[in-house]
Amino acid sequence: MRVWVTGSSGQVGQVLLKALRKRGIDCFGTSHAEADIADEAAVRAQMKESTHVVNTAAYCEVDPAETHREKAFRANVLGPTVLAKVAKETG
């Protein structure tokens, strides 16, 4: 088993990676700069390196999300959709 944690530079992602490693679980994380989860090619590349994925990526700044709607949509809607699609296809 190898777990890919998206959003690993965020608070939840950092804590999750630490907990997985403490339990001896093989895992790695990516931040948005390393892998845009809304980019299907980037997701497919990371899925080749993992057996499981946990999505902790999110655009969670409420007020800025109103003015940066595209960024919020990519992180909170399109990204999880792409992750689910690729995960389903790759098993």
C-alpha atoms as a PDB file:
ATOM      1  CA  MET A   1       0.000   0.000   0.000  1.00  0.00           C
ATOM      2  CA  ARG A   2       1.214   3.478  -0.851  1.00  0.00           C
ATOM      3  CA  VAL A   3      -0.946   6.475   0.034  1.00  0.00           C
ATOM      4  CA  TRP A   4      -0.930   9.751  -1.889  1.00  0.00           C
ATOM      5  CA  VAL A   5      -2.089  12.728   0.182  1.00  0.00           C
ATOM      6  CA  THR A   6      -3.110  15.771  -1.833  1.00  0.00           C
ATOM      7  CA  GLY A   7      -2.897  19.195  -0.240  1.00  0.00           C
ATOM      8  CA  SER A   8       0.051  18.124   1.855  1.00  0.00           C
ATOM      9  CA  SER A   9       1.203  21.674   2.520  1.00  0.00           C
ATOM     10  CA  GLY A  10      -2.057  22.465   4.310  1.00  0.00           C
ATOM     11  CA  GLN A  11      -2.877  21.897   7.953  1.00  0.00           C
ATOM     12  CA  VAL A  12      -4.889  18.677   7.503  1.00  0.00           C
ATOM     13  CA  GLY A  13      -2.483  17.231   4.931  1.00  0.00           C
ATOM     14  CA  GLN A  14       0.539  17.811   7.149  1.00  0.00           C
ATOM     15  CA  VAL A  15      -1.104  16.163  10.155  1.00  0.00           C
ATOM     16  CA  LEU A  16      -2.319  13.220   8.078  1.00  0.00           C
ATOM     17  CA  LEU A  17       1.113  12.546   6.553  1.00  0.00           C
ATOM     18  CA  LYS A  18       2.695  12.654   9.992  1.00  0.00           C
ATOM     19  CA  ALA A  19       0.110  10.206  11.367  1.00  0.00           C
ATOM     20  CA  LEU A  20       0.514   7.799   8.448  1.00  0.00           C
ATOM     21  CA  ARG A  21       4.290   7.830   8.744  1.00  0.00           C
ATOM     22  CA  LYS A  22       4.096   7.305  12.506  1.00  0.00           C
ATOM     23  CA  ARG A  23       2.136   4.136  11.804  1.00  0.00           C
ATOM     24  CA  GLY A  24       4.696   2.952   9.265  1.00  0.00           C
ATOM     25  CA  ILE A  25       2.441   3.465   6.268  1.00  0.00           C
ATOM     26  CA  ASP A  26       4.221   4.210   2.994  1.00  0.00           C
ATOM     27  CA  CYS A  27       2.927   7.585   1.872  1.00  0.00           C
ATOM     28  CA  PHE A  28       3.789  10.769   0.052  1.00  0.00           C
ATOM     29  CA  GLY A  29       2.167  14.137  -0.332  1.00  0.00           C
ATOM     30  CA  THR A  30       1.889  16.795  -2.960  1.00  0.00           C
ATOM     31  CA  SER A  31       1.009  20.437  -2.759  1.00  0.00           C
ATOM     32  CA  HIS A  32      -0.766  22.392  -5.475  1.00  0.00           C
ATOM     33  CA  ALA A  33       2.616  23.536  -6.794  1.00  0.00           C
ATOM     34  CA  GLU A  34       3.669  19.903  -7.256  1.00  0.00           C
ATOM     35  CA  ALA A  35       0.438  18.450  -8.643  1.00  0.00           C
ATOM     36  CA  ASP A  36      -2.719  20.333  -9.622  1.00  0.00           C
ATOM     37  CA  ILE A  37      -5.532  17.888  -8.846  1.00  0.00           C
ATOM     38  CA  ALA A  38      -7.703  19.564 -11.488  1.00  0.00           C
ATOM     39  CA  ASP A  39      -5.132  18.546 -14.130  1.00  0.00           C
ATOM     40  CA  GLU A  40      -5.983  15.021 -15.261  1.00  0.00           C
ATOM     41  CA  ALA A  41      -2.491  14.299 -16.603  1.00  0.00           C
ATOM     42  CA  ALA A  42      -0.916  15.337 -13.287  1.00  0.00           C
ATOM     43  CA  VAL A  43      -3.375  13.166 -11.363  1.00  0.00           C
ATOM     44  CA  ARG A  44      -2.715  10.160 -13.603  1.00  0.00           C
ATOM     45  CA  ALA A  45       1.033  10.550 -13.049  1.00  0.00           C
ATOM     46  CA  GLN A  46       0.609  10.579  -9.263  1.00  0.00           C
ATOM     47  CA  MET A  47      -1.873   7.692  -9.310  1.00  0.00           C
ATOM     48  CA  LYS A  48       0.809   5.550 -10.974  1.00  0.00           C
ATOM     49  CA  GLU A  49       2.908   6.070  -7.836  1.00  0.00           C
ATOM     50  CA  SER A  50       0.173   5.166  -5.344  1.00  0.00           C
ATOM     51  CA  THR A  51      -2.431   2.572  -4.425  1.00  0.00           C
ATOM     52  CA  HIS A  52      -4.639   4.927  -2.393  1.00  0.00           C
ATOM     53  CA  VAL A  53      -5.403   8.642  -2.429  1.00  0.00           C
ATOM     54  CA  VAL A  54      -6.688  10.940   0.306  1.00  0.00           C
ATOM     55  CA  ASN A  55      -7.736  14.396  -0.823  1.00  0.00           C
ATOM     56  CA  THR A  56      -7.048  17.154   1.679  1.00  0.00           C
ATOM     57  CA  ALA A  57      -6.605  19.840  -0.981  1.00  0.00           C
ATOM     58  CA  ALA A  58      -9.031  22.740  -0.783  1.00  0.00           C
ATOM     59  CA  TYR A  59      -9.421  26.424  -1.404  1.00  0.00           C
ATOM     60  CA  CYS A  60     -10.670  27.302   2.062  1.00  0.00           C
ATOM     61  CA  GLU A  61     -10.392  31.077   2.242  1.00  0.00           C
ATOM     62  CA  VAL A  62     -14.069  32.020   2.253  1.00  0.00           C
ATOM     63  CA  ASP A  63     -13.921  35.723   1.446  1.00  0.00           C
ATOM     64  CA  PRO A  64     -11.195  35.501  -1.231  1.00  0.00           C
ATOM     65  CA  ALA A  65     -13.133  32.638  -2.845  1.00  0.00           C
ATOM     66  CA  GLU A  66     -15.756  35.187  -3.826  1.00  0.00           C
ATOM     67  CA  THR A  67     -13.249  37.104  -5.938  1.00  0.00           C
ATOM     68  CA  HIS A  68     -11.166  34.085  -6.987  1.00  0.00           C
ATOM     69  CA  ARG A  69     -14.036  31.860  -8.033  1.00  0.00           C
ATOM     70  CA  GLU A  70     -12.070  29.989 -10.701  1.00  0.00           C
ATOM     71  CA  LYS A  71      -9.364  28.976  -8.210  1.00  0.00           C
ATOM     72  CA  ALA A  72     -11.963  27.901  -5.661  1.00  0.00           C
ATOM     73  CA  PHE A  73     -13.892  25.927  -8.293  1.00  0.00           C
ATOM     74  CA  ARG A  74     -10.750  24.143  -9.525  1.00  0.00           C
ATOM     75  CA  ALA A  75      -9.689  23.139  -6.013  1.00  0.00           C
ATOM     76  CA  ASN A  76     -13.070  22.337  -4.493  1.00  0.00           C
ATOM     77  CA  VAL A  77     -15.128  20.994  -7.417  1.00  0.00           C
ATOM     78  CA  LEU A  78     -13.057  20.154 -10.479  1.00  0.00           C
ATOM     79  CA  GLY A  79     -10.106  18.676  -8.567  1.00  0.00           C
ATOM     80  CA  PRO A  80     -12.111  16.159  -6.538  1.00  0.00           C
ATOM     81  CA  THR A  81     -14.065  15.244  -9.679  1.00  0.00           C
ATOM     82  CA  VAL A  82     -10.849  14.516 -11.581  1.00  0.00           C
ATOM     83  CA  LEU A  83      -9.450  12.525  -8.633  1.00  0.00           C
ATOM     84  CA  ALA A  84     -12.596  10.397  -8.438  1.00  0.00           C
ATOM     85  CA  LYS A  85     -12.672   9.819 -12.201  1.00  0.00           C
ATOM     86  CA  VAL A  86      -9.036   8.730 -12.420  1.00  0.00           C
ATOM     87  CA  ALA A  87      -9.261   6.623  -9.244  1.00  0.00           C
ATOM     88  CA  LYS A  88     -12.284   4.796 -10.633  1.00  0.00           C
ATOM     89  CA  GLU A  89     -10.565   4.192 -13.973  1.00  0.00           C
ATOM     90  CA  THR A  90      -7.300   3.008 -12.478  1.00  0.00           C
ATOM     91  CA  GLY A  91      -8.824   0.937  -9.689  1.00  0.00           C
END
